[in-house]
């Protein structure tokens, strides 16, 4: 019969291994999302408010950039789901404190992944259509508008994921208070931007509110990942 001490040691070792895996996933997700956004710096990508003629011309000339970005979305989906489900497992092993918040993060993360899959599919449609057209068509314009709307709707889903994960990790004393504040503030910015989803899909500068929340999410992911790997 195993002694309570041996059982406790085994559980601690299991939590440690699982924690390192979840931490590595968080770091990989943060790095990939940062690289994806950095690819569009200096390439004069069109905004959602630009004329459809500019959208057509840019996508016809930058198919490779879009292909890489869409490929990364396919990578982000499993990384995010692995992170939030792994985090939920860690919270459960630490006695269940924050379990409701981690469940919220899992549900919101799944919703975010579904919306981003729709976003990526529409972006594929835009770039494929742009390669065959000499002038904009109603179908291209519809695909671009729906792509913009999917992005705008992804913001509140990510904000909810962010808040749930930040409060869950703080509840089990995995992260310091500043990360909880970062999570609530950054997630709040994403939720606020999501409330203006129609304006953002139409090209409003309010998108930068969501971008600020996204930056906070990347910082939080990296800090949490490093803490889990080293804990």
Protein backbone atom coordinates (compact mmCIF):
# COMPACT_ATOMS: atom_id res chain seq x y z
CA UNK A 1 0.00 0.00 0.00
CA UNK A 2 1.41 3.38 -0.97
CA UNK A 3 2.05 5.80 1.86
CA UNK A 4 0.36 9.22 1.94
CA UNK A 5 3.80 10.81 1.53
CA UNK A 6 4.51 8.85 -1.66
CA UNK A 7 1.07 9.68 -3.01
CA UNK A 8 1.59 13.38 -2.31
CA UNK A 9 4.99 13.28 -4.00
CA UNK A 10 3.51 11.60 -7.08
CA UNK A 11 0.71 14.17 -7.29
CA UNK A 12 3.17 17.04 -6.90
CA UNK A 13 5.40 15.61 -9.62
CA UNK A 14 2.39 15.14 -11.92
CA UNK A 15 1.29 18.75 -11.32
CA UNK A 16 4.83 19.93 -12.03
CA UNK A 17 5.05 18.06 -15.36
CA UNK A 18 1.56 19.16 -16.43
CA UNK A 19 2.35 22.73 -15.39
CA UNK A 20 5.50 22.81 -17.51
CA UNK A 21 3.58 21.51 -20.54
CA UNK A 22 0.84 24.12 -20.09
CA UNK A 23 3.50 26.81 -19.64
CA UNK A 24 5.34 25.76 -22.81
CA UNK A 25 2.03 25.88 -24.71
CA UNK A 26 1.36 29.41 -23.45
CA UNK A 27 4.82 30.59 -24.51
CA UNK A 28 4.45 28.99 -27.97
CA UNK A 29 1.03 30.61 -28.45
CA UNK A 30 2.26 34.06 -27.38
CA UNK A 31 5.32 33.81 -29.64
CA UNK A 32 3.32 32.68 -32.68
CA UNK A 33 0.70 35.41 -32.25
CA UNK A 34 3.41 38.05 -31.85
CA UNK A 35 5.20 36.87 -35.01
CA UNK A 36 1.93 36.82 -36.93
CA UNK A 37 1.17 40.43 -36.04
CA UNK A 38 4.76 41.53 -36.69
CA UNK A 39 4.52 40.23 -40.28
CA UNK A 40 2.06 43.00 -41.14
CA UNK A 41 4.25 45.84 -39.88
CA UNK A 42 5.51 47.87 -42.84
CA UNK A 43 3.60 45.97 -45.56
CA UNK A 44 0.83 48.59 -45.83
CA UNK A 45 -1.96 46.07 -45.31
CA UNK A 46 -5.47 47.45 -45.96
CA UNK A 47 -7.74 48.33 -43.07
CA UNK A 48 -11.39 47.39 -42.95
CA UNK A 49 -12.34 50.94 -43.92
CA UNK A 50 -10.21 51.09 -47.09
CA UNK A 51 -11.81 51.01 -50.57
CA UNK A 52 -12.42 47.51 -51.88
CA UNK A 53 -10.14 48.27 -54.86
CA UNK A 54 -7.18 48.63 -52.49
CA UNK A 55 -8.17 45.41 -50.72
CA UNK A 56 -8.20 43.56 -54.04
CA UNK A 57 -4.83 44.94 -55.16
CA UNK A 58 -3.08 44.22 -51.86
CA UNK A 59 -4.31 40.63 -51.59
CA UNK A 60 -3.41 39.90 -55.21
CA UNK A 61 0.19 40.97 -54.47
CA UNK A 62 0.60 39.51 -50.98
CA UNK A 63 -0.81 36.01 -51.22
CA UNK A 64 2.19 34.43 -49.48
CA UNK A 65 1.89 36.71 -46.43
CA UNK A 66 -1.78 35.83 -46.04
CA UNK A 67 -1.04 32.12 -46.52
CA UNK A 68 1.46 32.20 -43.66
CA UNK A 69 -0.91 34.15 -41.40
CA UNK A 70 -3.80 31.77 -42.08
CA UNK A 71 -1.53 28.80 -41.50
CA UNK A 72 -0.64 30.24 -38.10
CA UNK A 73 -4.34 30.50 -37.24
CA UNK A 74 -4.51 26.72 -37.75
CA UNK A 75 -1.67 26.43 -35.21
CA UNK A 76 -3.22 28.86 -32.73
CA UNK A 77 -6.43 26.86 -32.46
CA UNK A 78 -4.92 23.71 -30.87
CA UNK A 79 -2.44 25.75 -28.81
CA UNK A 80 -5.18 27.87 -27.26
CA UNK A 81 -7.44 24.91 -26.55
CA UNK A 82 -4.55 22.94 -25.05
CA UNK A 83 -3.68 25.90 -22.85
CA UNK A 84 -7.16 26.58 -21.46
CA UNK A 85 -8.01 22.90 -20.92
CA UNK A 86 -4.60 22.24 -19.36
CA UNK A 87 -5.05 25.25 -17.12
CA UNK A 88 -8.44 23.95 -16.04
CA UNK A 89 -6.79 20.67 -15.08
CA UNK A 90 -4.19 22.50 -13.00
CA UNK A 91 -6.87 24.48 -11.19
CA UNK A 92 -8.74 21.26 -10.37
CA UNK A 93 -5.59 19.63 -8.98
CA UNK A 94 -5.02 22.59 -6.67
CA UNK A 95 -8.27 22.04 -4.85
CA UNK A 96 -10.77 23.59 -7.24
CA UNK A 97 -10.32 27.24 -6.27
CA UNK A 98 -11.09 29.28 -9.35
CA UNK A 99 -12.72 26.31 -11.13
CA UNK A 100 -15.66 28.41 -12.29
CA UNK A 101 -13.32 30.97 -13.84
CA UNK A 102 -11.31 28.26 -15.59
CA UNK A 103 -14.52 26.74 -16.98
CA UNK A 104 -15.42 30.16 -18.32
CA UNK A 105 -11.98 30.40 -19.95
CA UNK A 106 -12.44 26.98 -21.60
CA UNK A 107 -15.90 27.86 -22.97
CA UNK A 108 -14.81 31.28 -24.19
CA UNK A 109 -11.60 29.88 -25.67
CA UNK A 110 -13.61 27.34 -27.67
CA UNK A 111 -15.91 30.11 -28.90
CA UNK A 112 -12.93 32.27 -29.86
CA UNK A 113 -11.38 29.37 -31.78
CA UNK A 114 -14.62 28.79 -33.72
CA UNK A 115 -14.93 32.47 -34.66
CA UNK A 116 -11.28 32.63 -35.73
CA UNK A 117 -11.73 29.53 -37.90
CA UNK A 118 -14.55 31.36 -39.69
CA UNK A 119 -12.31 34.45 -39.94
CA UNK A 120 -9.48 32.41 -41.51
CA UNK A 121 -11.80 30.64 -43.99
CA UNK A 122 -13.15 33.99 -45.20
CA UNK A 123 -9.62 35.37 -45.51
CA UNK A 124 -8.76 32.37 -47.69
CA UNK A 125 -11.76 33.24 -49.83
CA UNK A 126 -10.66 36.86 -50.17
CA UNK A 127 -7.12 36.05 -51.28
CA UNK A 128 -8.23 33.28 -53.67
CA UNK A 129 -10.80 35.56 -55.28
CA UNK A 130 -8.31 38.41 -55.54
CA UNK A 131 -6.00 36.24 -57.62
CA UNK A 132 -8.69 35.72 -60.28
CA UNK A 133 -10.27 39.18 -60.49
CA UNK A 134 -9.25 42.30 -62.37
CA UNK A 135 -11.83 44.42 -60.56
CA UNK A 136 -13.80 43.98 -57.32
CA UNK A 137 -16.90 41.81 -57.35
CA UNK A 138 -19.90 41.77 -54.94
CA UNK A 139 -18.79 38.33 -53.70
CA UNK A 140 -15.30 39.61 -52.84
CA UNK A 141 -16.77 42.59 -51.03
CA UNK A 142 -19.15 40.36 -49.05
CA UNK A 143 -16.32 38.00 -48.07
CA UNK A 144 -14.17 40.93 -46.93
CA UNK A 145 -16.99 42.44 -44.86
CA UNK A 146 -17.73 39.08 -43.21
CA UNK A 147 -14.02 38.59 -42.55
CA UNK A 148 -13.99 41.99 -40.81
CA UNK A 149 -17.10 41.13 -38.81
CA UNK A 150 -15.59 37.82 -37.66
CA UNK A 151 -12.50 39.66 -36.41
CA UNK A 152 -14.65 42.18 -34.52
CA UNK A 153 -16.65 39.38 -32.90
CA UNK A 154 -13.50 37.52 -31.89
CA UNK A 155 -12.54 40.37 -29.55
CA UNK A 156 -15.18 39.80 -26.82
CA UNK A 157 -14.56 36.04 -26.97
CA UNK A 158 -10.84 36.57 -26.40
CA UNK A 159 -11.56 39.13 -23.67
CA UNK A 160 -13.73 36.63 -21.80
CA UNK A 161 -11.04 33.96 -22.18
CA UNK A 162 -8.45 36.41 -20.84
CA UNK A 163 -10.46 37.43 -17.78
CA UNK A 164 -11.41 33.85 -16.91
CA UNK A 165 -7.84 32.57 -17.21
CA UNK A 166 -6.37 35.49 -15.25
CA UNK A 167 -8.81 35.13 -12.36
CA UNK A 168 -8.45 31.33 -12.30
CA UNK A 169 -4.65 31.43 -12.09
CA UNK A 170 -4.77 34.11 -9.42
CA UNK A 171 -7.28 32.10 -7.38
CA UNK A 172 -4.78 29.23 -7.06
CA UNK A 173 -1.94 31.69 -6.33
CA UNK A 174 -0.16 30.78 -9.52
CA UNK A 175 0.20 34.39 -10.67
CA UNK A 176 0.89 37.63 -8.76
CA UNK A 177 -1.71 40.41 -8.31
CA UNK A 178 -0.36 42.50 -11.20
CA UNK A 179 -1.25 39.74 -13.64
CA UNK A 180 -4.80 39.63 -12.34
CA UNK A 181 -5.06 43.39 -12.88
CA UNK A 182 -3.56 43.03 -16.35
CA UNK A 183 -6.07 40.31 -17.18
CA UNK A 184 -9.10 42.26 -15.99
CA UNK A 185 -7.94 45.49 -17.67
CA UNK A 186 -6.84 43.85 -20.93
CA UNK A 187 -9.91 41.65 -21.08
CA UNK A 188 -12.08 44.68 -20.36
CA UNK A 189 -10.54 46.51 -23.33
CA UNK A 190 -11.30 43.55 -25.58
CA UNK A 191 -14.89 43.41 -24.32
CA UNK A 192 -15.30 47.15 -24.84
CA UNK A 193 -13.98 46.87 -28.38
CA UNK A 194 -16.31 43.94 -29.02
CA UNK A 195 -19.29 46.07 -28.01
CA UNK A 196 -18.37 48.34 -30.94
CA UNK A 197 -18.03 45.39 -33.34
CA UNK A 198 -20.10 46.99 -36.12
CA UNK A 199 -17.98 50.15 -36.08
CA UNK A 200 -14.75 48.12 -36.05
CA UNK A 201 -15.93 45.97 -38.95
CA UNK A 202 -16.61 49.22 -40.81
CA UNK A 203 -13.05 50.45 -40.26
CA UNK A 204 -13.33 52.49 -37.04
CA UNK A 205 -10.17 53.44 -35.16
CA UNK A 206 -11.79 51.79 -32.12
CA UNK A 207 -9.98 48.67 -33.31
CA UNK A 208 -6.90 50.00 -31.50
CA UNK A 209 -8.75 49.51 -28.19
CA UNK A 210 -8.90 45.82 -29.04
CA UNK A 211 -5.27 45.82 -30.19
CA UNK A 212 -4.24 47.18 -26.76
CA UNK A 213 -6.15 44.33 -25.12
CA UNK A 214 -4.47 41.84 -27.44
CA UNK A 215 -1.04 43.20 -26.47
CA UNK A 216 -1.94 42.73 -22.80
CA UNK A 217 -3.02 39.13 -23.55
CA UNK A 218 0.36 38.35 -25.12
CA UNK A 219 2.24 39.80 -22.14
CA UNK A 220 0.07 37.84 -19.72
CA UNK A 221 0.47 34.60 -21.70
CA UNK A 222 4.25 34.95 -21.80
CA UNK A 223 4.55 35.82 -18.11
CA UNK A 224 2.24 32.97 -17.08
CA UNK A 225 4.01 30.50 -19.35
CA UNK A 226 7.43 31.37 -17.96
CA UNK A 227 6.12 31.12 -14.39
CA UNK A 228 4.62 27.68 -15.06
CA UNK A 229 7.77 26.36 -16.72
CA UNK A 230 9.91 27.56 -13.81
CA UNK A 231 7.52 26.76 -10.98
